[in-house]
Amino acid sequence: CYPNPTNGVFTLRNPFTKEATINVYDVMGRLIYEMQLDNELSQKSAISLPKGIYLLVVRSDNSMIQNKLVVN
């Protein structure tokens, strides 16, 4: 995920060769957003997210990767 921190649009790179599901959680563990990522690169907007730190969870089949997203 880059740029990170972001104040608007960020790009996600799918680390898997298959489609992946991306979940965005706030610091309280609440699901904020869910999306499918089928391309290698996908641009998303964080404009609607309040400033803060979020957890991105990327899942594909039996694999999972977690990453922080900071919104300024």
PDB file of N, CA and C in Angstrom:
ATOM      1  N   CYS A   1       0.853  -1.165   0.000  1.00  0.00           N
ATOM      2  CA  CYS A   1       0.000   0.000   0.000  1.00  0.00           C
ATOM      3  C   CYS A   1       0.904   1.235   0.000  1.00  0.00           C
ATOM      4  N   TYR A   2       0.710   2.103  -0.953  1.00  0.00           N
ATOM      5  CA  TYR A   2       1.506   3.321  -1.011  1.00  0.00           C
ATOM      6  C   TYR A   2       0.721   4.420  -1.699  1.00  0.00           C
ATOM      7  N   PRO A   3       0.967   5.694  -1.472  1.00  0.00           N
ATOM      8  CA  PRO A   3       1.852   6.190  -0.415  1.00  0.00           C
ATOM      9  C   PRO A   3       1.231   5.958   0.953  1.00  0.00           C
ATOM     10  N   ASN A   4       2.065   5.825   1.926  1.00  0.00           N
ATOM     11  CA  ASN A   4       1.613   5.571   3.282  1.00  0.00           C
ATOM     12  C   ASN A   4       2.563   6.292   4.219  1.00  0.00           C
ATOM     13  N   PRO A   5       2.158   7.357   4.869  1.00  0.00           N
ATOM     14  CA  PRO A   5       0.785   7.840   5.054  1.00  0.00           C
ATOM     15  C   PRO A   5       0.224   8.482   3.788  1.00  0.00           C
ATOM     16  N   THR A   6      -1.109   8.551   3.769  1.00  0.00           N
ATOM     17  CA  THR A   6      -1.810   9.127   2.627  1.00  0.00           C
ATOM     18  C   THR A   6      -2.789  10.190   3.098  1.00  0.00           C
ATOM     19  N   ASN A   7      -3.132  11.093   2.204  1.00  0.00           N
ATOM     20  CA  ASN A   7      -4.179  12.066   2.522  1.00  0.00           C
ATOM     21  C   ASN A   7      -5.251  12.058   1.439  1.00  0.00           C
ATOM     22  N   GLY A   8      -5.283  11.007   0.664  1.00  0.00           N
ATOM     23  CA  GLY A   8      -6.272  10.925  -0.408  1.00  0.00           C
ATOM     24  C   GLY A   8      -6.270   9.569  -1.069  1.00  0.00           C
ATOM     25  N   VAL A   9      -5.681   9.489  -2.252  1.00  0.00           N
ATOM     26  CA  VAL A   9      -5.688   8.245  -3.023  1.00  0.00           C
ATOM     27  C   VAL A   9      -4.459   7.414  -2.676  1.00  0.00           C
ATOM     28  N   PHE A  10      -4.657   6.109  -2.527  1.00  0.00           N
ATOM     29  CA  PHE A  10      -3.535   5.213  -2.312  1.00  0.00           C
ATOM     30  C   PHE A  10      -3.648   4.036  -3.268  1.00  0.00           C
ATOM     31  N   THR A  11      -2.535   3.373  -3.505  1.00  0.00           N
ATOM     32  CA  THR A  11      -2.473   2.254  -4.432  1.00  0.00           C
ATOM     33  C   THR A  11      -2.200   0.974  -3.659  1.00  0.00           C
ATOM     34  N   LEU A  12      -2.950  -0.059  -3.989  1.00  0.00           N
ATOM     35  CA  LEU A  12      -2.758  -1.371  -3.386  1.00  0.00           C
ATOM     36  C   LEU A  12      -2.146  -2.302  -4.415  1.00  0.00           C
ATOM     37  N   ARG A  13      -1.148  -3.038  -4.017  1.00  0.00           N
ATOM     38  CA  ARG A  13      -0.538  -4.045  -4.884  1.00  0.00           C
ATOM     39  C   ARG A  13      -0.958  -5.410  -4.359  1.00  0.00           C
ATOM     40  N   ASN A  14      -1.590  -6.202  -5.223  1.00  0.00           N
ATOM     41  CA  ASN A  14      -2.031  -7.541  -4.845  1.00  0.00           C
ATOM     42  C   ASN A  14      -0.805  -8.451  -4.764  1.00  0.00           C
ATOM     43  N   PRO A  15      -0.485  -8.954  -3.568  1.00  0.00           N
ATOM     44  CA  PRO A  15       0.695  -9.804  -3.418  1.00  0.00           C
ATOM     45  C   PRO A  15       0.454 -11.244  -3.877  1.00  0.00           C
ATOM     46  N   PHE A  16      -0.780 -11.567  -4.191  1.00  0.00           N
ATOM     47  CA  PHE A  16      -1.126 -12.926  -4.569  1.00  0.00           C
ATOM     48  C   PHE A  16      -1.375 -13.011  -6.076  1.00  0.00           C
ATOM     49  N   THR A  17      -1.292 -14.205  -6.613  1.00  0.00           N
ATOM     50  CA  THR A  17      -1.536 -14.406  -8.041  1.00  0.00           C
ATOM     51  C   THR A  17      -3.017 -14.555  -8.345  1.00  0.00           C
ATOM     52  N   LYS A  18      -3.820 -14.747  -7.312  1.00  0.00           N
ATOM     53  CA  LYS A  18      -5.264 -14.900  -7.476  1.00  0.00           C
ATOM     54  C   LYS A  18      -5.976 -13.657  -6.954  1.00  0.00           C
ATOM     55  N   GLU A  19      -7.293 -13.640  -7.135  1.00  0.00           N
ATOM     56  CA  GLU A  19      -8.091 -12.543  -6.579  1.00  0.00           C
ATOM     57  C   GLU A  19      -7.935 -12.527  -5.060  1.00  0.00           C
ATOM     58  N   ALA A  20      -8.060 -11.355  -4.501  1.00  0.00           N
ATOM     59  CA  ALA A  20      -7.915 -11.196  -3.056  1.00  0.00           C
ATOM     60  C   ALA A  20      -9.040 -10.312  -2.532  1.00  0.00           C
ATOM     61  N   THR A  21      -9.347 -10.489  -1.266  1.00  0.00           N
ATOM     62  CA  THR A  21     -10.303  -9.639  -0.559  1.00  0.00           C
ATOM     63  C   THR A  21      -9.520  -8.767   0.402  1.00  0.00           C
ATOM     64  N   ILE A  22      -9.836  -7.473   0.392  1.00  0.00           N
ATOM     65  CA  ILE A  22      -9.176  -6.542   1.294  1.00  0.00           C
ATOM     66  C   ILE A  22     -10.205  -5.980   2.256  1.00  0.00           C
ATOM     67  N   ASN A  23      -9.909  -6.104   3.528  1.00  0.00           N
ATOM     68  CA  ASN A  23     -10.755  -5.540   4.578  1.00  0.00           C
ATOM     69  C   ASN A  23      -9.977  -4.421   5.259  1.00  0.00           C
ATOM     70  N   VAL A  24     -10.658  -3.317   5.529  1.00  0.00           N
ATOM     71  CA  VAL A  24     -10.058  -2.188   6.233  1.00  0.00           C
ATOM     72  C   VAL A  24     -10.755  -2.081   7.585  1.00  0.00           C
ATOM     73  N   TYR A  25      -9.948  -2.126   8.662  1.00  0.00           N
ATOM     74  CA  TYR A  25     -10.471  -2.060  10.023  1.00  0.00           C
ATOM     75  C   TYR A  25      -9.955  -0.807  10.711  1.00  0.00           C
ATOM     76  N   ASP A  26     -10.771  -0.235  11.602  1.00  0.00           N
ATOM     77  CA  ASP A  26     -10.293   0.887  12.408  1.00  0.00           C
ATOM     78  C   ASP A  26      -9.549   0.326  13.620  1.00  0.00           C
ATOM     79  N   VAL A  27      -9.036   1.214  14.485  1.00  0.00           N
ATOM     80  CA  VAL A  27      -8.241   0.763  15.632  1.00  0.00           C
ATOM     81  C   VAL A  27      -9.072   0.020  16.672  1.00  0.00           C
ATOM     82  N   MET A  28     -10.384   0.134  16.594  1.00  0.00           N
ATOM     83  CA  MET A  28     -11.263  -0.595  17.506  1.00  0.00           C
ATOM     84  C   MET A  28     -11.621  -1.983  16.962  1.00  0.00           C
ATOM     85  N   GLY A  29     -11.122  -2.309  15.769  1.00  0.00           N
ATOM     86  CA  GLY A  29     -11.380  -3.618  15.179  1.00  0.00           C
ATOM     87  C   GLY A  29     -12.666  -3.701  14.384  1.00  0.00           C
ATOM     88  N   ARG A  30     -13.320  -2.554  14.144  1.00  0.00           N
ATOM     89  CA  ARG A  30     -14.556  -2.539  13.360  1.00  0.00           C
ATOM     90  C   ARG A  30     -14.236  -2.537  11.872  1.00  0.00           C
ATOM     91  N   LEU A  31     -14.971  -3.348  11.118  1.00  0.00           N
ATOM     92  CA  LEU A  31     -14.807  -3.393   9.670  1.00  0.00           C
ATOM     93  C   LEU A  31     -15.347  -2.098   9.079  1.00  0.00           C
ATOM     94  N   ILE A  32     -14.495  -1.367   8.378  1.00  0.00           N
ATOM     95  CA  ILE A  32     -14.860  -0.086   7.785  1.00  0.00           C
ATOM     96  C   ILE A  32     -15.208  -0.251   6.313  1.00  0.00           C
ATOM     97  N   TYR A  33     -14.453  -1.106   5.623  1.00  0.00           N
ATOM     98  CA  TYR A  33     -14.609  -1.212   4.184  1.00  0.00           C
ATOM     99  C   TYR A  33     -14.133  -2.586   3.730  1.00  0.00           C
ATOM    100  N   GLU A  34     -14.785  -3.128   2.731  1.00  0.00           N
ATOM    101  CA  GLU A  34     -14.372  -4.403   2.150  1.00  0.00           C
ATOM    102  C   GLU A  34     -14.399  -4.274   0.634  1.00  0.00           C
ATOM    103  N   MET A  35     -13.380  -4.810  -0.036  1.00  0.00           N
ATOM    104  CA  MET A  35     -13.318  -4.726  -1.491  1.00  0.00           C
ATOM    105  C   MET A  35     -12.615  -5.955  -2.056  1.00  0.00           C
ATOM    106  N   GLN A  36     -12.890  -6.219  -3.314  1.00  0.00           N
ATOM    107  CA  GLN A  36     -12.212  -7.281  -4.042  1.00  0.00           C
ATOM    108  C   GLN A  36     -11.064  -6.661  -4.819  1.00  0.00           C
ATOM    109  N   LEU A  37      -9.948  -7.319  -4.830  1.00  0.00           N
ATOM    110  CA  LEU A  37      -8.781  -6.856  -5.573  1.00  0.00           C
ATOM    111  C   LEU A  37      -8.419  -7.950  -6.562  1.00  0.00           C
ATOM    112  N   ASP A  38      -8.729  -7.705  -7.832  1.00  0.00           N
ATOM    113  CA  ASP A  38      -8.463  -8.730  -8.826  1.00  0.00           C
ATOM    114  C   ASP A  38      -7.286  -8.378  -9.721  1.00  0.00           C
ATOM    115  N   ASN A  39      -6.925  -7.132  -9.806  1.00  0.00           N
ATOM    116  CA  ASN A  39      -5.779  -6.721 -10.613  1.00  0.00           C
ATOM    117  C   ASN A  39      -4.534  -6.713  -9.747  1.00  0.00           C
ATOM    118  N   GLU A  40      -3.403  -6.628 -10.409  1.00  0.00           N
ATOM    119  CA  GLU A  40      -2.161  -6.541  -9.653  1.00  0.00           C
ATOM    120  C   GLU A  40      -2.088  -5.226  -8.892  1.00  0.00           C
ATOM    121  N   LEU A  41      -2.533  -4.129  -9.521  1.00  0.00           N
ATOM    122  CA  LEU A  41      -2.547  -2.813  -8.882  1.00  0.00           C
ATOM    123  C   LEU A  41      -3.953  -2.250  -8.899  1.00  0.00           C
ATOM    124  N   SER A  42      -4.331  -1.579  -7.844  1.00  0.00           N
ATOM    125  CA  SER A  42      -5.646  -0.973  -7.774  1.00  0.00           C
ATOM    126  C   SER A  42      -5.543   0.313  -6.969  1.00  0.00           C
ATOM    127  N   GLN A  43      -6.099   1.410  -7.486  1.00  0.00           N
ATOM    128  CA  GLN A  43      -6.105   2.668  -6.753  1.00  0.00           C
ATOM    129  C   GLN A  43      -7.426   2.820  -6.013  1.00  0.00           C
ATOM    130  N   LYS A  44      -7.345   3.240  -4.774  1.00  0.00           N
ATOM    131  CA  LYS A  44      -8.523   3.446  -3.935  1.00  0.00           C
ATOM    132  C   LYS A  44      -8.437   4.827  -3.300  1.00  0.00           C
ATOM    133  N   SER A  45      -9.565   5.342  -2.892  1.00  0.00           N
ATOM    134  CA  SER A  45      -9.614   6.651  -2.257  1.00  0.00           C
ATOM    135  C   SER A  45      -9.821   6.502  -0.761  1.00  0.00           C
ATOM    136  N   ALA A  46      -9.011   7.208   0.003  1.00  0.00           N
ATOM    137  CA  ALA A  46      -9.146   7.219   1.455  1.00  0.00           C
ATOM    138  C   ALA A  46      -9.762   8.519   1.934  1.00  0.00           C
ATOM    139  N   ILE A  47     -10.287   9.311   0.997  1.00  0.00           N
ATOM    140  CA  ILE A  47     -10.810  10.630   1.342  1.00  0.00           C
ATOM    141  C   ILE A  47     -11.958  10.528   2.352  1.00  0.00           C
ATOM    142  N   SER A  48     -12.771   9.499   2.244  1.00  0.00           N
ATOM    143  CA  SER A  48     -13.914   9.375   3.147  1.00  0.00           C
ATOM    144  C   SER A  48     -13.519   8.836   4.523  1.00  0.00           C
ATOM    145  N   LEU A  49     -12.277   8.395   4.683  1.00  0.00           N
ATOM    146  CA  LEU A  49     -11.831   7.886   5.980  1.00  0.00           C
ATOM    147  C   LEU A  49     -11.359   9.036   6.857  1.00  0.00           C
ATOM    148  N   PRO A  50     -11.781   9.075   8.106  1.00  0.00           N
ATOM    149  CA  PRO A  50     -11.256  10.099   9.011  1.00  0.00           C
ATOM    150  C   PRO A  50      -9.756   9.873   9.237  1.00  0.00           C
ATOM    151  N   LYS A  51      -9.063  10.926   9.644  1.00  0.00           N
ATOM    152  CA  LYS A  51      -7.647  10.793   9.948  1.00  0.00           C
ATOM    153  C   LYS A  51      -7.457   9.732  11.015  1.00  0.00           C
ATOM    154  N   GLY A  52      -6.415   8.927  10.843  1.00  0.00           N
ATOM    155  CA  GLY A  52      -6.146   7.895  11.828  1.00  0.00           C
ATOM    156  C   GLY A  52      -5.342   6.756  11.244  1.00  0.00           C
ATOM    157  N   ILE A  53      -5.229   5.691  12.026  1.00  0.00           N
ATOM    158  CA  ILE A  53      -4.497   4.500  11.633  1.00  0.00           C
ATOM    159  C   ILE A  53      -5.500   3.379  11.391  1.00  0.00           C
ATOM    160  N   TYR A  54      -5.321   2.677  10.293  1.00  0.00           N
ATOM    161  CA  TYR A  54      -6.210   1.595   9.896  1.00  0.00           C
ATOM    162  C   TYR A  54      -5.398   0.337   9.632  1.00  0.00           C
ATOM    163  N   LEU A  55      -6.041  -0.791   9.738  1.00  0.00           N
ATOM    164  CA  LEU A  55      -5.415  -2.072   9.453  1.00  0.00           C
ATOM    165  C   LEU A  55      -5.989  -2.607   8.157  1.00  0.00           C
ATOM    166  N   LEU A  56      -5.116  -2.897   7.198  1.00  0.00           N
ATOM    167  CA  LEU A  56      -5.519  -3.520   5.942  1.00  0.00           C
ATOM    168  C   LEU A  56      -5.219  -5.007   6.054  1.00  0.00           C
ATOM    169  N   VAL A  57      -6.210  -5.833   5.788  1.00  0.00           N
ATOM    170  CA  VAL A  57      -6.027  -7.284   5.806  1.00  0.00           C
ATOM    171  C   VAL A  57      -6.345  -7.798   4.410  1.00  0.00           C
ATOM    172  N   VAL A  58      -5.352  -8.426   3.770  1.00  0.00           N
ATOM    173  CA  VAL A  58      -5.501  -8.970   2.425  1.00  0.00           C
ATOM    174  C   VAL A  58      -5.563 -10.481   2.545  1.00  0.00           C
ATOM    175  N   ARG A  59      -6.654 -11.073   2.020  1.00  0.00           N
ATOM    176  CA  ARG A  59      -6.836 -12.528   2.095  1.00  0.00           C
ATOM    177  C   ARG A  59      -7.030 -13.103   0.698  1.00  0.00           C
ATOM    178  N   SER A  60      -6.383 -14.233   0.467  1.00  0.00           N
ATOM    179  CA  SER A  60      -6.562 -14.984  -0.771  1.00  0.00           C
ATOM    180  C   SER A  60      -6.365 -16.458  -0.447  1.00  0.00           C
ATOM    181  N   ASP A  61      -7.395 -17.257  -0.689  1.00  0.00           N
ATOM    182  CA  ASP A  61      -7.366 -18.682  -0.349  1.00  0.00           C
ATOM    183  C   ASP A  61      -6.963 -18.853   1.108  1.00  0.00           C
ATOM    184  N   ASN A  62      -5.848 -19.510   1.378  1.00  0.00           N
ATOM    185  CA  ASN A  62      -5.425 -19.763   2.759  1.00  0.00           C
ATOM    186  C   ASN A  62      -4.316 -18.828   3.217  1.00  0.00           C
ATOM    187  N   SER A  63      -4.105 -17.728   2.500  1.00  0.00           N
ATOM    188  CA  SER A  63      -3.032 -16.788   2.835  1.00  0.00           C
ATOM    189  C   SER A  63      -3.613 -15.469   3.333  1.00  0.00           C
ATOM    190  N   MET A  64      -2.841 -14.782   4.200  1.00  0.00           N
ATOM    191  CA  MET A  64      -3.287 -13.500   4.727  1.00  0.00           C
ATOM    192  C   MET A  64      -2.072 -12.618   4.985  1.00  0.00           C
ATOM    193  N   ILE A  65      -2.212 -11.325   4.639  1.00  0.00           N
ATOM    194  CA  ILE A  65      -1.182 -10.327   4.916  1.00  0.00           C
ATOM    195  C   ILE A  65      -1.858  -9.140   5.587  1.00  0.00           C
ATOM    196  N   GLN A  66      -1.206  -8.574   6.610  1.00  0.00           N
ATOM    197  CA  GLN A  66      -1.718  -7.392   7.303  1.00  0.00           C
ATOM    198  C   GLN A  66      -0.756  -6.238   7.088  1.00  0.00           C
ATOM    199  N   ASN A  67      -1.318  -5.026   6.987  1.00  0.00           N
ATOM    200  CA  ASN A  67      -0.514  -3.830   6.789  1.00  0.00           C
ATOM    201  C   ASN A  67      -1.246  -2.651   7.416  1.00  0.00           C
ATOM    202  N   LYS A  68      -0.493  -1.683   7.940  1.00  0.00           N
ATOM    203  CA  LYS A  68      -1.077  -0.459   8.487  1.00  0.00           C
ATOM    204  C   LYS A  68      -1.277   0.547   7.374  1.00  0.00           C
ATOM    205  N   LEU A  69      -2.339   1.341   7.473  1.00  0.00           N
ATOM    206  CA  LEU A  69      -2.578   2.474   6.585  1.00  0.00           C
ATOM    207  C   LEU A  69      -2.789   3.700   7.466  1.00  0.00           C
ATOM    208  N   VAL A  70      -2.002   4.735   7.233  1.00  0.00           N
ATOM    209  CA  VAL A  70      -2.129   5.976   7.991  1.00  0.00           C
ATOM    210  C   VAL A  70      -2.761   7.012   7.084  1.00  0.00           C
ATOM    211  N   VAL A  71      -3.871   7.596   7.546  1.00  0.00           N
ATOM    212  CA  VAL A  71      -4.572   8.639   6.794  1.00  0.00           C
ATOM    213  C   VAL A  71      -4.340   9.959   7.505  1.00  0.00           C
ATOM    214  N   ASN A  72      -3.743  10.921   6.783  1.00  0.00           N
ATOM    215  CA  ASN A  72      -3.479  12.261   7.345  1.00  0.00           C
ATOM    216  C   ASN A  72      -4.625  13.188   7.038  1.00  0.00           C
TER     217      ASN A  72
END
